[in-house]
Protein backbone atom coordinates (compact mmCIF):
# COMPACT_ATOMS: atom_id res chain seq x y z
CA MET A 1 18.71 -10.04 7.65
CA LYS A 2 16.67 -13.27 7.68
CA LEU A 3 16.20 -12.84 11.40
CA LYS A 4 14.91 -9.22 10.76
CA ASN A 5 12.42 -10.63 8.09
CA ILE A 6 11.30 -13.45 10.48
CA VAL A 7 10.62 -10.89 13.35
CA THR A 8 8.92 -8.71 10.95
CA VAL A 9 6.66 -11.39 9.68
CA ILE A 10 5.80 -12.55 13.28
CA LEU A 11 5.03 -9.07 14.33
CA LEU A 12 2.77 -8.50 11.34
CA GLN A 13 0.84 -11.71 12.23
CA ILE A 14 0.39 -10.66 15.82
CA LEU A 15 -0.68 -7.25 14.56
CA PHE A 16 -3.20 -8.63 12.23
CA THR A 17 -4.52 -11.08 14.64
CA SER A 18 -4.94 -8.43 17.33
CA VAL A 19 -6.73 -5.93 14.85
CA SER A 20 -8.94 -8.75 13.77
CA ALA A 21 -9.85 -9.72 17.24
CA PHE A 22 -11.83 -6.40 17.51
CA GLY A 23 -14.39 -8.10 15.04
CA GLN A 24 -14.64 -5.04 12.54
CA ALA A 25 -11.09 -5.34 11.10
CA LYS A 26 -10.26 -6.82 7.82
CA GLU A 27 -7.03 -7.47 6.01
CA VAL A 28 -6.13 -7.13 2.37
CA GLU A 29 -2.99 -7.60 0.34
CA ILE A 30 -2.71 -5.60 -2.79
CA LYS A 31 -0.24 -5.85 -5.50
CA THR A 32 1.18 -2.42 -6.57
CA SER A 33 3.50 -1.21 -9.16
CA ALA A 34 5.87 0.37 -6.44
CA GLN A 35 9.50 0.50 -7.49
CA CYS A 36 11.64 2.07 -4.47
CA ASN A 37 11.41 3.24 -0.86
CA GLU A 38 9.98 6.60 -2.06
CA CYS A 39 7.03 4.66 -3.27
CA LYS A 40 6.69 2.84 -0.11
CA GLU A 41 6.58 6.02 1.75
CA ILE A 42 3.92 7.51 -0.58
CA ILE A 43 1.74 4.31 -0.43
CA GLU A 44 1.98 3.85 3.31
CA GLU A 45 1.37 7.58 4.12
CA THR A 46 -1.65 7.77 1.79
CA LEU A 47 -3.15 4.79 3.43
CA MET A 48 -2.45 5.66 6.94
CA ASP A 49 -4.23 9.04 6.35
CA MET A 50 -7.42 7.20 5.33
CA LYS A 51 -10.12 6.92 7.79
CA GLY A 52 -10.42 3.44 9.10
CA VAL A 53 -7.04 2.26 8.07
CA LYS A 54 -5.30 0.71 11.11
CA PHE A 55 -2.05 -0.49 9.45
CA ALA A 56 -0.36 -0.39 6.08
CA GLU A 57 3.04 -1.85 5.03
CA LEU A 58 4.50 -2.17 1.63
CA ASP A 59 7.02 -4.83 0.86
CA VAL A 60 9.00 -3.11 -1.96
CA GLU A 61 10.57 -6.42 -3.17
CA SER A 62 7.34 -8.12 -3.55
CA LYS A 63 5.32 -4.92 -4.43
CA ILE A 64 2.56 -6.04 -2.08
CA VAL A 65 1.01 -3.72 0.51
CA LYS A 66 -0.63 -5.32 3.41
CA VAL A 67 -3.44 -3.34 5.06
CA ALA A 68 -5.54 -3.67 8.10
CA TYR A 69 -8.68 -1.62 8.23
CA ASN A 70 -12.15 -1.12 9.83
CA GLU A 71 -14.66 -2.27 7.47
CA LYS A 72 -17.17 -0.03 8.78
CA LYS A 73 -15.08 3.02 7.91
CA THR A 74 -13.52 1.95 4.54
CA SER A 75 -13.28 -0.78 2.11
CA ALA A 76 -10.76 -2.58 -0.01
CA VAL A 77 -12.15 -0.97 -3.02
CA ASP A 78 -11.51 2.58 -1.37
CA ILE A 79 -8.19 1.42 -0.42
CA LYS A 80 -7.26 0.45 -4.08
CA ASN A 81 -8.67 3.56 -5.25
CA ALA A 82 -6.41 5.63 -3.17
CA ILE A 83 -3.47 3.74 -4.37
CA VAL A 84 -4.51 4.40 -7.90
CA ALA A 85 -5.22 8.00 -7.26
CA VAL A 86 -1.43 8.62 -6.13
CA GLY A 87 0.00 7.03 -9.17
CA TYR A 88 0.27 3.29 -8.65
CA ASN A 89 -1.47 0.14 -9.88
CA ALA A 90 -3.53 -1.63 -7.39
CA ASP A 91 -4.19 -5.28 -8.41
CA GLU A 92 -6.05 -5.08 -11.63
CA GLN A 93 -6.56 -1.31 -11.51
CA GLU A 94 -4.35 0.81 -13.65
CA ALA A 95 -2.73 3.98 -11.92
CA ASP A 96 -4.20 7.40 -12.70
CA PRO A 97 -1.98 8.53 -15.63
CA GLU A 98 -1.95 12.13 -14.41
CA ALA A 99 -0.81 11.03 -10.86
CA VAL A 100 1.92 8.85 -12.48
CA LYS A 101 3.31 12.05 -14.14
CA ARG A 102 3.78 13.57 -10.75
CA LEU A 103 5.83 10.85 -9.45
CA SER A 104 9.66 11.06 -9.37
CA PRO A 105 11.24 9.38 -12.41
CA CYS A 106 12.42 6.28 -10.09
CA CYS A 107 8.78 5.68 -9.08
CA ARG A 108 7.50 5.49 -12.73
CA PRO A 109 7.57 1.98 -14.21
CA ASP A 110 8.67 3.27 -17.57
CA GLY A 111 11.00 6.05 -16.37
CA THR A 112 9.34 8.91 -18.01
CA HIS A 113 9.61 12.49 -16.88
CA SER A 114 6.87 14.81 -15.70
CA ASP A 115 7.71 17.48 -18.33
CA GLU A 116 6.41 15.51 -21.24
């Protein structure tokens, strides 16, 4: 397990370095309110669908999503807004309450149900 984590970190560093070498790429780490692998899937898919996002990976344990993006096509603010729009906190920004209601109960920080 440790070897897998080390290999993942090394690969991420190589990816971020190679993306940054193109000159327009930036990196950002955003603390989320993700709870599980379903959250990981939602956040990563949302970000990868954004124009300009080259890479997005959420570590569920730390709740941090690492994103590499082209700063000419998107920004850290846009990335945070996308996370908030699907129901998760993004650093200091609170999740959209209506989007939180649409999440599975396991993905909600308070365990509420959408039929409230």
